[in-house]
């Protein structure tokens, strides 16, 4: 254990990805960081577990049984607790490259990005078209609609905010995305896969928001550019699971002088007469010993942390439904892909929120050969029948060898912005199968805490991916 200093610029609580990215970035920028977690492992809710730990977390066995043994060596499994993939040109990848965390990680491309149209046995599953040429061959659209989609994607690809002649006569800073769709005469099903599988919105609220057309076009261009970087899909994934990401940023912080303490509980957050944080009191427990503890106190003017450390400063915004499934086959209608993202837009199954499926396999060193790990997730829309809410996604998986599904998971967000008390709290991980919303939160916290934008260098060579 590193020696505890009497004062730190920042104390970070929890080692989830959001917190580890922030501690790594702040350390690189010269801040003195103390990073604490009550658990004995890195990752928090974004950790990766072996198969035995997964069974025990979800209590999927009877006393005296050891069902995980039928799946081979337990450490051949690295099962993510959140269903997330990285956009090849996305914000998290930008941060990974600019901070050189990529030197600690290896990546492999996700083989396909798919969308479902329709429901039940008549549903169509097809690759998400990301270019005008792909639109012409997509089974998601009829002949005339393909031509309209081609024109739309060509326009989005050539759109230049500074050049009004490329705006098709639209007031792009004020119009809605409905105005844009109407301009090109796109059908409802086409709007669905564009908005949910390319722009990656979680609901249809974006369509009628004035001024959101420009952001939507930027999202579509990000998807298309990410797709163009590696070819098969716009997504990449770290070998050995997502738990490698927070550990990579933790190594980065340590190299720049950050101090890490696991098995450490926060006993008290100390504030001054103005209600602003001035320090913490904490207790570290020696690993493997219940008796050997060390209490300490240190000063700080700023705390960053996940919602579990601040129950009185957060509110619940919804509930996440999630099923982690083990399969012995790839998803049907995905060209036998060894990995994929599949989005079921909410309108296709009569819902208000999309259903996401993220699948990885032995190709990513997360399970033995012959197995696949698929996570189905969505936002709860009722207080009961949670299995039924996930059912359209579970039906898409085919035969399931094992399913791990706990109770609905509360989603938290801070009730304040942290500028008055110096406590900056992250949001819970949502149902999306990508990290774009997580990096939005990283940037927002950094902006509020540091009073400036988080600036990272743009991608040049990108992330090297394994074949």
Protein backbone atom coordinates (compact mmCIF):
# COMPACT_ATOMS: atom_id res chain seq x y z
CA UNK A 1 0.00 0.00 0.00
CA UNK A 2 1.21 3.48 -0.80
CA UNK A 3 1.73 5.91 2.05
CA UNK A 4 -1.32 8.06 2.76
CA UNK A 5 -0.60 11.75 2.27
CA UNK A 6 -2.12 14.39 4.59
CA UNK A 7 -3.92 16.06 1.64
CA UNK A 8 -5.04 15.30 -1.92
CA UNK A 9 -6.40 17.44 -4.71
CA UNK A 10 -9.09 14.84 -5.44
CA UNK A 11 -10.45 11.78 -3.64
CA UNK A 12 -12.26 9.31 -5.93
CA UNK A 13 -14.71 6.77 -4.47
CA UNK A 14 -15.44 3.58 -6.40
CA UNK A 15 -13.47 1.96 -9.22
CA UNK A 16 -16.17 1.78 -11.89
CA UNK A 17 -15.15 2.83 -15.37
CA UNK A 18 -16.41 6.41 -15.00
CA UNK A 19 -14.41 6.92 -11.81
CA UNK A 20 -11.26 5.23 -13.16
CA UNK A 21 -11.31 7.31 -16.36
CA UNK A 22 -11.58 10.48 -14.28
CA UNK A 23 -8.82 9.50 -11.83
CA UNK A 24 -6.53 8.57 -14.72
CA UNK A 25 -7.18 11.80 -16.63
CA UNK A 26 -6.82 13.96 -13.51
CA UNK A 27 -3.54 12.24 -12.59
CA UNK A 28 -2.17 12.88 -16.08
CA UNK A 29 -3.11 16.53 -15.69
CA UNK A 30 -1.03 16.78 -12.51
CA UNK A 31 -3.67 16.38 -9.81
CA UNK A 32 -2.79 14.46 -6.65
CA UNK A 33 -5.39 11.66 -6.52
CA UNK A 34 -6.42 9.19 -3.81
CA UNK A 35 -8.67 6.44 -5.21
CA UNK A 36 -10.67 4.28 -2.79
CA UNK A 37 -12.99 1.29 -3.22
CA UNK A 38 -14.83 -0.66 -0.53
CA UNK A 39 -14.45 -3.85 -2.61
CA UNK A 40 -11.35 -6.00 -3.02
CA UNK A 41 -11.40 -5.73 -6.83
CA UNK A 42 -11.49 -3.06 -9.52
CA UNK A 43 -14.44 -2.35 -11.75
CA UNK A 44 -17.48 -1.84 -9.53
CA UNK A 45 -20.58 -2.38 -11.66
CA UNK A 46 -18.39 -2.56 -14.79
CA UNK A 47 -16.30 -5.49 -13.49
CA UNK A 48 -15.90 -8.85 -15.25
CA UNK A 49 -16.47 -12.01 -13.17
CA UNK A 50 -15.38 -15.61 -13.59
CA UNK A 51 -18.12 -18.23 -13.92
CA UNK A 52 -18.03 -19.29 -10.24
CA UNK A 53 -18.30 -15.70 -9.03
CA UNK A 54 -21.18 -15.13 -11.45
CA UNK A 55 -23.15 -18.08 -10.07
CA UNK A 56 -22.54 -16.88 -6.52
CA UNK A 57 -23.49 -13.28 -7.28
CA UNK A 58 -26.87 -14.36 -8.68
CA UNK A 59 -27.38 -17.38 -6.35
CA UNK A 60 -28.00 -19.63 -9.35
CA UNK A 61 -27.35 -22.88 -7.48
CA UNK A 62 -28.45 -24.98 -4.51
CA UNK A 63 -26.29 -25.49 -1.37
CA UNK A 64 -23.71 -28.17 -1.95
CA UNK A 65 -23.87 -27.86 -5.73
CA UNK A 66 -21.06 -26.55 -7.94
CA UNK A 67 -22.76 -26.16 -11.34
CA UNK A 68 -20.01 -23.90 -12.71
CA UNK A 69 -17.68 -26.90 -12.96
CA UNK A 70 -19.48 -28.17 -16.07
CA UNK A 71 -18.23 -25.08 -17.90
CA UNK A 72 -14.52 -25.88 -17.50
CA UNK A 73 -11.93 -23.81 -15.69
CA UNK A 74 -13.54 -20.92 -13.85
CA UNK A 75 -10.83 -18.46 -14.86
CA UNK A 76 -11.44 -19.11 -18.55
CA UNK A 77 -14.55 -16.98 -18.06
CA UNK A 78 -14.65 -13.17 -17.85
CA UNK A 79 -18.32 -12.25 -17.82
CA UNK A 80 -19.22 -8.55 -17.92
CA UNK A 81 -21.82 -7.15 -15.55
CA UNK A 82 -22.77 -4.41 -18.02
CA UNK A 83 -23.47 -4.90 -21.74
CA UNK A 84 -21.16 -2.32 -23.28
CA UNK A 85 -19.13 -2.02 -26.50
CA UNK A 86 -16.80 0.76 -27.67
CA UNK A 87 -17.41 2.87 -30.77
CA UNK A 88 -14.24 2.75 -32.89
CA UNK A 89 -14.28 6.56 -33.28
CA UNK A 90 -16.19 7.26 -30.07
CA UNK A 91 -15.30 9.42 -27.09
CA UNK A 92 -14.02 6.59 -24.87
CA UNK A 93 -11.73 5.39 -27.65
CA UNK A 94 -10.48 8.97 -28.06
CA UNK A 95 -9.66 9.10 -24.33
CA UNK A 96 -7.97 5.68 -24.44
CA UNK A 97 -5.72 6.76 -27.31
CA UNK A 98 -4.92 10.25 -26.04
CA UNK A 99 -3.93 8.96 -22.57
CA UNK A 100 -2.04 5.97 -24.03
CA UNK A 101 -4.07 3.51 -21.93
CA UNK A 102 -4.19 1.35 -25.07
CA UNK A 103 -0.69 0.11 -24.20
CA UNK A 104 -2.27 -1.93 -21.37
CA UNK A 105 -5.09 -3.39 -23.46
CA UNK A 106 -5.76 -5.47 -26.56
CA UNK A 107 -8.92 -5.11 -28.63
CA UNK A 108 -10.86 -7.15 -31.13
CA UNK A 109 -13.54 -5.97 -33.49
CA UNK A 110 -17.19 -6.81 -32.89
CA UNK A 111 -18.26 -8.78 -35.95
CA UNK A 112 -21.62 -7.21 -36.68
CA UNK A 113 -24.17 -4.53 -35.85
CA UNK A 114 -27.78 -5.60 -36.40
CA UNK A 115 -31.29 -4.28 -35.99
CA UNK A 116 -34.61 -6.11 -35.72
CA UNK A 117 -37.64 -5.07 -37.71
CA UNK A 118 -40.99 -6.54 -36.71
CA UNK A 119 -41.63 -9.00 -33.88
CA UNK A 120 -42.08 -12.70 -33.25
CA UNK A 121 -41.42 -15.35 -35.87
CA UNK A 122 -41.88 -12.85 -38.71
CA UNK A 123 -39.19 -10.50 -37.46
CA UNK A 124 -36.41 -9.50 -39.83
CA UNK A 125 -32.88 -9.21 -38.46
CA UNK A 126 -30.45 -7.41 -40.72
CA UNK A 127 -27.14 -5.60 -40.69
CA UNK A 128 -27.52 -1.89 -39.99
CA UNK A 129 -26.76 -0.09 -43.28
CA UNK A 130 -24.13 2.57 -42.65
CA UNK A 131 -23.60 3.87 -46.18
CA UNK A 132 -25.58 4.70 -49.29
CA UNK A 133 -24.38 1.53 -51.04
CA UNK A 134 -25.39 -0.68 -48.10
CA UNK A 135 -28.82 0.96 -48.02
CA UNK A 136 -29.42 -0.25 -51.59
CA UNK A 137 -28.85 -3.89 -50.60
CA UNK A 138 -30.59 -3.87 -47.20
CA UNK A 139 -33.57 -6.20 -46.69
CA UNK A 140 -35.00 -3.67 -44.23
CA UNK A 141 -36.49 -1.55 -47.02
CA UNK A 142 -38.38 -1.82 -50.25
CA UNK A 143 -36.96 -0.62 -53.57
CA UNK A 144 -38.22 2.98 -53.48
CA UNK A 145 -37.40 3.38 -49.78
CA UNK A 146 -33.86 2.16 -50.44
CA UNK A 147 -33.39 5.02 -52.89
CA UNK A 148 -34.72 7.55 -50.38
CA UNK A 149 -32.47 6.13 -47.64
CA UNK A 150 -29.50 6.25 -50.04
CA UNK A 151 -30.11 9.95 -50.67
CA UNK A 152 -30.43 10.62 -46.95
CA UNK A 153 -27.19 8.82 -46.05
CA UNK A 154 -25.32 10.52 -48.89
CA UNK A 155 -26.55 13.88 -47.59
CA UNK A 156 -25.62 13.07 -43.98
CA UNK A 157 -22.14 12.02 -45.12
CA UNK A 158 -21.55 15.26 -47.01
CA UNK A 159 -23.26 17.56 -44.49
CA UNK A 160 -21.13 20.57 -43.54
CA UNK A 161 -22.45 22.76 -40.75
CA UNK A 162 -20.48 25.76 -42.04
CA UNK A 163 -21.83 25.40 -45.57
CA UNK A 164 -25.55 26.32 -45.78
CA UNK A 165 -25.74 24.98 -49.34
CA UNK A 166 -25.37 21.46 -47.86
CA UNK A 167 -28.38 21.90 -45.56
CA UNK A 168 -31.05 21.03 -48.13
CA UNK A 169 -32.87 24.28 -47.34
CA UNK A 170 -33.34 23.30 -43.69
CA UNK A 171 -32.63 25.62 -40.75
CA UNK A 172 -30.46 22.94 -39.19
CA UNK A 173 -30.01 24.78 -35.87
CA UNK A 174 -33.72 25.04 -35.23
CA UNK A 175 -35.53 22.28 -37.12
CA UNK A 176 -36.52 18.92 -35.65
CA UNK A 177 -35.33 15.55 -36.89
CA UNK A 178 -38.91 14.94 -38.00
CA UNK A 179 -38.46 17.86 -40.41
CA UNK A 180 -35.36 16.16 -41.82
CA UNK A 181 -37.02 12.76 -42.15
CA UNK A 182 -40.03 14.38 -43.81
CA UNK A 183 -37.72 16.23 -46.21
CA UNK A 184 -36.41 12.88 -47.50
CA UNK A 185 -39.78 11.11 -47.26
CA UNK A 186 -38.44 8.33 -45.04
CA UNK A 187 -40.84 5.68 -43.73
CA UNK A 188 -41.38 5.01 -40.01
CA UNK A 189 -39.36 1.77 -40.02
CA UNK A 190 -36.42 3.51 -41.69
CA UNK A 191 -36.56 6.31 -39.13
CA UNK A 192 -36.47 3.58 -36.49
CA UNK A 193 -33.19 1.98 -37.50
CA UNK A 194 -31.56 5.33 -38.29
CA UNK A 195 -32.51 6.88 -34.95
CA UNK A 196 -31.97 3.85 -32.74
CA UNK A 197 -29.27 1.76 -34.44
CA UNK A 198 -27.13 4.52 -35.99
CA UNK A 199 -27.80 7.69 -33.93
CA UNK A 200 -28.21 5.37 -30.90
CA UNK A 201 -31.07 7.20 -29.21
CA UNK A 202 -32.82 5.17 -26.53
CA UNK A 203 -36.33 6.44 -27.29
CA UNK A 204 -38.17 8.55 -29.86
CA UNK A 205 -38.10 11.74 -27.78
CA UNK A 206 -35.32 13.16 -29.98
CA UNK A 207 -37.51 13.29 -33.09
CA UNK A 208 -39.59 16.33 -32.13
CA UNK A 209 -36.98 18.31 -30.18
CA UNK A 210 -36.24 21.62 -31.98
CA UNK A 211 -32.56 22.04 -32.78
CA UNK A 212 -31.66 18.37 -32.23
CA UNK A 213 -31.31 17.58 -35.93
CA UNK A 214 -27.67 18.70 -35.99
CA UNK A 215 -26.75 16.42 -33.06
CA UNK A 216 -28.56 13.52 -34.73
CA UNK A 217 -26.63 14.01 -37.96
CA UNK A 218 -23.36 14.13 -36.00
CA UNK A 219 -24.30 10.84 -34.30
CA UNK A 220 -25.05 9.21 -37.65
CA UNK A 221 -21.71 10.42 -39.04
CA UNK A 222 -19.92 9.04 -35.95
CA UNK A 223 -21.53 5.65 -36.56
CA UNK A 224 -20.62 5.67 -40.26
CA UNK A 225 -17.03 6.82 -39.61
CA UNK A 226 -16.58 4.19 -36.89
CA UNK A 227 -17.91 1.57 -39.29
CA UNK A 228 -15.48 2.70 -41.98
CA UNK A 229 -12.45 2.38 -39.68
CA UNK A 230 -12.51 -1.42 -39.38
CA UNK A 231 -15.24 -2.57 -41.77
CA UNK A 232 -17.45 -5.23 -40.14
CA UNK A 233 -19.05 -3.07 -37.46
CA UNK A 234 -18.44 0.26 -35.71
CA UNK A 235 -17.64 -1.47 -32.41
CA UNK A 236 -14.52 -2.84 -30.72
CA UNK A 237 -14.14 -4.74 -27.44
CA UNK A 238 -11.22 -5.38 -25.05
CA UNK A 239 -9.86 -8.92 -24.88
CA UNK A 240 -10.58 -10.54 -21.47
CA UNK A 241 -13.65 -8.38 -20.85
CA UNK A 242 -14.66 -4.86 -19.92
CA UNK A 243 -13.07 -5.21 -16.49
CA UNK A 244 -9.76 -4.55 -18.24
CA UNK A 245 -10.81 -0.94 -18.96
CA UNK A 246 -11.00 0.42 -15.38
CA UNK A 247 -7.80 -1.47 -14.52
CA UNK A 248 -6.05 0.17 -17.48
CA UNK A 249 -6.98 3.66 -16.27
CA UNK A 250 -6.01 2.68 -12.71
CA UNK A 251 -2.52 1.76 -13.97
CA UNK A 252 -2.37 5.11 -15.75
CA UNK A 253 -3.23 6.97 -12.55
CA UNK A 254 -0.65 5.00 -10.55
CA UNK A 255 2.09 5.83 -13.08
CA UNK A 256 1.33 9.54 -12.60
CA UNK A 257 1.39 9.29 -8.80
CA UNK A 258 -2.17 8.26 -7.97
CA UNK A 259 -2.68 6.29 -4.73
CA UNK A 260 -5.08 3.30 -4.76
CA UNK A 261 -6.68 1.62 -1.75
CA UNK A 262 -9.04 -1.36 -2.09
CA UNK A 263 -10.93 -2.94 0.85
CA UNK A 264 -11.37 0.56 2.23
CA UNK A 265 -14.63 1.91 3.63
CA UNK A 266 -15.41 5.61 3.95
CA UNK A 267 -16.48 6.30 7.53
CA UNK A 268 -17.19 10.01 7.21
CA UNK A 269 -17.07 12.81 4.66
CA UNK A 270 -15.85 15.90 6.52
CA UNK A 271 -17.29 19.29 5.61
CA UNK A 272 -16.53 22.83 6.75
CA UNK A 273 -18.96 25.44 8.08
CA UNK A 274 -20.04 26.32 4.53
CA UNK A 275 -21.03 22.73 3.83
CA UNK A 276 -18.15 22.18 1.44
CA UNK A 277 -16.09 18.99 1.62
CA UNK A 278 -12.77 19.33 3.44
CA UNK A 279 -11.67 15.72 3.91
CA UNK A 280 -12.58 12.11 4.66
CA UNK A 281 -12.19 9.55 7.42
CA UNK A 282 -11.77 5.96 6.24
CA UNK A 283 -10.82 2.45 7.36
CA UNK A 284 -8.70 0.08 5.31
CA UNK A 285 -9.00 -3.66 5.96
CA UNK A 286 -6.02 -5.82 5.19
CA UNK A 287 -6.89 -8.33 2.51
CA UNK A 288 -7.68 -11.75 3.94
CA UNK A 289 -7.91 -10.49 7.51
CA UNK A 290 -11.00 -9.27 9.36
CA UNK A 291 -9.02 -7.94 12.30
CA UNK A 292 -6.12 -6.06 10.70
CA UNK A 293 -7.44 -2.59 9.93
CA UNK A 294 -6.00 0.88 9.62
CA UNK A 295 -7.99 4.06 10.19
CA UNK A 296 -6.86 7.28 8.59
CA UNK A 297 -7.95 10.82 7.81
CA UNK A 298 -6.91 13.01 4.92
CA UNK A 299 -7.84 16.42 3.59
CA UNK A 300 -9.30 17.21 0.19
CA UNK A 301 -11.43 19.92 -1.41
CA UNK A 302 -13.03 17.68 -3.99
CA UNK A 303 -14.60 14.21 -4.09
CA UNK A 304 -15.72 12.27 -7.16
CA UNK A 305 -17.62 9.04 -6.78
CA UNK A 306 -20.32 6.62 -7.82
CA UNK A 307 -23.88 6.94 -6.46
CA UNK A 308 -23.55 4.09 -3.95
CA UNK A 309 -21.34 6.29 -1.75
CA UNK A 310 -23.87 9.13 -1.55
CA UNK A 311 -27.38 7.76 -0.81
CA UNK A 312 -28.65 11.14 0.37
CA UNK A 313 -27.47 13.03 -2.70
CA UNK A 314 -29.01 10.94 -5.51
CA UNK A 315 -32.43 10.09 -6.91
CA UNK A 316 -33.74 7.08 -8.81
CA UNK A 317 -34.56 7.81 -12.46
CA UNK A 318 -35.67 4.32 -13.48
CA UNK A 319 -34.81 0.64 -13.28
CA UNK A 320 -32.53 -1.43 -15.48
CA UNK A 321 -33.59 -4.94 -16.49
CA UNK A 322 -30.77 -7.27 -17.47
CA UNK A 323 -30.29 -10.95 -18.23
CA UNK A 324 -26.79 -12.42 -18.65
CA UNK A 325 -27.11 -15.58 -20.77
CA UNK A 326 -24.71 -18.38 -21.70
CA UNK A 327 -25.29 -19.88 -25.14
CA UNK A 328 -23.61 -22.65 -27.13
CA UNK A 329 -24.43 -21.08 -30.48
CA UNK A 330 -24.32 -17.64 -32.16
CA UNK A 331 -27.46 -15.55 -32.61
CA UNK A 332 -29.71 -16.64 -35.43
CA UNK A 333 -29.78 -14.43 -38.55
CA UNK A 334 -26.47 -12.72 -37.69
CA UNK A 335 -24.34 -14.63 -40.23
CA UNK A 336 -22.94 -16.86 -37.47
CA UNK A 337 -21.08 -13.86 -36.07
CA UNK A 338 -18.78 -14.57 -33.12
CA UNK A 339 -19.94 -11.25 -31.63
CA UNK A 340 -22.53 -8.60 -32.33
CA UNK A 341 -24.77 -5.83 -31.15
CA UNK A 342 -28.47 -6.23 -31.92
CA UNK A 343 -30.97 -3.48 -31.20
CA UNK A 344 -34.73 -4.06 -31.10
CA UNK A 345 -36.26 -0.58 -31.51
CA UNK A 346 -39.04 0.07 -29.02
CA UNK A 347 -41.77 0.66 -31.60
CA UNK A 348 -41.16 -2.77 -33.15
CA UNK A 349 -42.29 -4.54 -29.97
CA UNK A 350 -44.78 -2.03 -28.56
CA UNK A 351 -42.50 -0.47 -25.98
CA UNK A 352 -41.21 2.98 -24.99
CA UNK A 353 -37.57 1.86 -24.65
CA UNK A 354 -35.30 -0.18 -26.92
CA UNK A 355 -34.10 -3.67 -26.08
CA UNK A 356 -30.35 -4.23 -26.49
CA UNK A 357 -28.38 -7.43 -27.00
CA UNK A 358 -24.58 -7.48 -26.75
CA UNK A 359 -22.91 -10.81 -27.53
CA UNK A 360 -19.23 -11.80 -27.28
CA UNK A 361 -17.47 -15.16 -27.37
CA UNK A 362 -14.24 -17.13 -27.09
CA UNK A 363 -12.87 -14.89 -29.85
CA UNK A 364 -12.58 -12.21 -27.15
CA UNK A 365 -11.06 -14.49 -24.46
CA UNK A 366 -14.14 -14.21 -22.23
CA UNK A 367 -15.27 -17.87 -22.33
CA UNK A 368 -14.10 -21.29 -23.61
CA UNK A 369 -14.55 -22.23 -27.26
CA UNK A 370 -18.07 -23.29 -28.17
CA UNK A 371 -19.72 -20.80 -25.80
CA UNK A 372 -21.17 -17.31 -26.22
CA UNK A 373 -22.14 -14.68 -23.65
CA UNK A 374 -25.17 -12.56 -24.51
CA UNK A 375 -26.57 -9.78 -22.31
CA UNK A 376 -30.13 -8.59 -22.91
CA UNK A 377 -31.06 -5.25 -21.34
CA UNK A 378 -33.74 -2.59 -21.32
CA UNK A 379 -35.41 -0.05 -19.05
CA UNK A 380 -38.34 -1.29 -16.94
CA UNK A 381 -41.72 0.11 -17.94
CA UNK A 382 -43.80 -1.62 -15.28
CA UNK A 383 -43.42 -2.83 -11.70
CA UNK A 384 -43.98 -6.49 -12.56
CA UNK A 385 -43.44 -9.11 -15.29
CA UNK A 386 -39.83 -8.09 -15.82
CA UNK A 387 -39.10 -11.33 -17.70
CA UNK A 388 -41.86 -10.42 -20.15
CA UNK A 389 -40.27 -7.03 -20.79
CA UNK A 390 -37.03 -8.74 -21.80
CA UNK A 391 -38.77 -11.58 -23.65
CA UNK A 392 -38.41 -10.18 -27.20
CA UNK A 393 -34.65 -10.12 -26.64
CA UNK A 394 -34.55 -13.52 -24.94
CA UNK A 395 -36.55 -15.01 -27.82
CA UNK A 396 -33.90 -13.74 -30.22
CA UNK A 397 -31.21 -15.77 -28.38
CA UNK A 398 -32.68 -19.19 -29.12
CA UNK A 399 -31.78 -22.00 -26.68
CA UNK A 400 -30.22 -20.60 -23.49
CA UNK A 401 -27.84 -22.80 -21.48
CA UNK A 402 -27.90 -20.63 -18.36
CA UNK A 403 -29.58 -17.33 -17.49
CA UNK A 404 -28.54 -14.97 -14.69
CA UNK A 405 -31.18 -12.37 -13.89
CA UNK A 406 -31.47 -10.47 -10.64
CA UNK A 407 -34.09 -7.95 -9.52
CA UNK A 408 -34.49 -4.61 -11.34
CA UNK A 409 -31.43 -2.42 -10.80
CA UNK A 410 -32.11 1.17 -9.69
CA UNK A 411 -30.58 3.84 -11.91
CA UNK A 412 -29.28 6.84 -9.97
CA UNK A 413 -28.32 10.36 -10.85
CA UNK A 414 -27.08 13.17 -8.55
CA UNK A 415 -29.59 15.70 -7.21
CA UNK A 416 -27.00 18.51 -7.33
CA UNK A 417 -24.18 19.52 -9.65
CA UNK A 418 -21.49 19.44 -6.95
CA UNK A 419 -20.31 23.02 -7.41
CA UNK A 420 -21.43 24.09 -3.91
CA UNK A 421 -20.27 21.14 -1.80
CA UNK A 422 -17.36 19.85 -3.95
CA UNK A 423 -18.92 16.38 -4.33
CA UNK A 424 -19.35 15.26 -7.93
CA UNK A 425 -21.38 12.08 -8.43
CA UNK A 426 -21.59 9.89 -11.52
CA UNK A 427 -24.72 8.37 -13.03
CA UNK A 428 -25.56 4.67 -13.09
CA UNK A 429 -24.83 2.68 -16.24
CA UNK A 430 -27.88 2.61 -18.52
CA UNK A 431 -29.28 -0.15 -20.73
CA UNK A 432 -27.44 0.86 -23.90
CA UNK A 433 -24.89 -1.56 -25.34
CA UNK A 434 -22.30 1.16 -26.00
CA UNK A 435 -20.21 3.59 -23.92
CA UNK A 436 -21.24 6.89 -25.49
CA UNK A 437 -23.60 7.82 -22.62
CA UNK A 438 -20.90 6.89 -20.08
CA UNK A 439 -18.34 9.18 -21.69
CA UNK A 440 -20.95 11.95 -21.81
CA UNK A 441 -21.09 11.59 -18.02
CA UNK A 442 -17.27 11.64 -17.74
CA UNK A 443 -17.12 14.89 -19.68
CA UNK A 444 -19.98 16.43 -17.70
CA UNK A 445 -18.37 15.62 -14.33
CA UNK A 446 -14.99 16.92 -15.50
CA UNK A 447 -16.58 20.15 -16.72
CA UNK A 448 -18.40 20.76 -13.42
CA UNK A 449 -15.44 19.78 -11.24
CA UNK A 450 -12.63 21.51 -13.14
CA UNK A 451 -14.51 24.42 -14.71
CA UNK A 452 -13.28 23.60 -18.20
CA UNK A 453 -13.91 21.13 -21.02
CA UNK A 454 -12.05 17.82 -21.08
CA UNK A 455 -9.81 18.11 -24.09
CA UNK A 456 -8.34 15.03 -25.74
CA UNK A 457 -6.45 14.68 -28.99
CA UNK A 458 -8.47 13.43 -31.94
CA UNK A 459 -7.96 9.93 -33.27
CA UNK A 460 -5.20 9.48 -35.78
CA UNK A 461 -4.16 5.86 -36.09
CA UNK A 462 -6.97 4.65 -33.83
CA UNK A 463 -6.87 1.49 -31.72
CA UNK A 464 -5.02 -1.54 -33.05
CA UNK A 465 -7.35 -4.54 -33.13
CA UNK A 466 -6.48 -8.22 -33.21
CA UNK A 467 -7.38 -10.25 -36.27
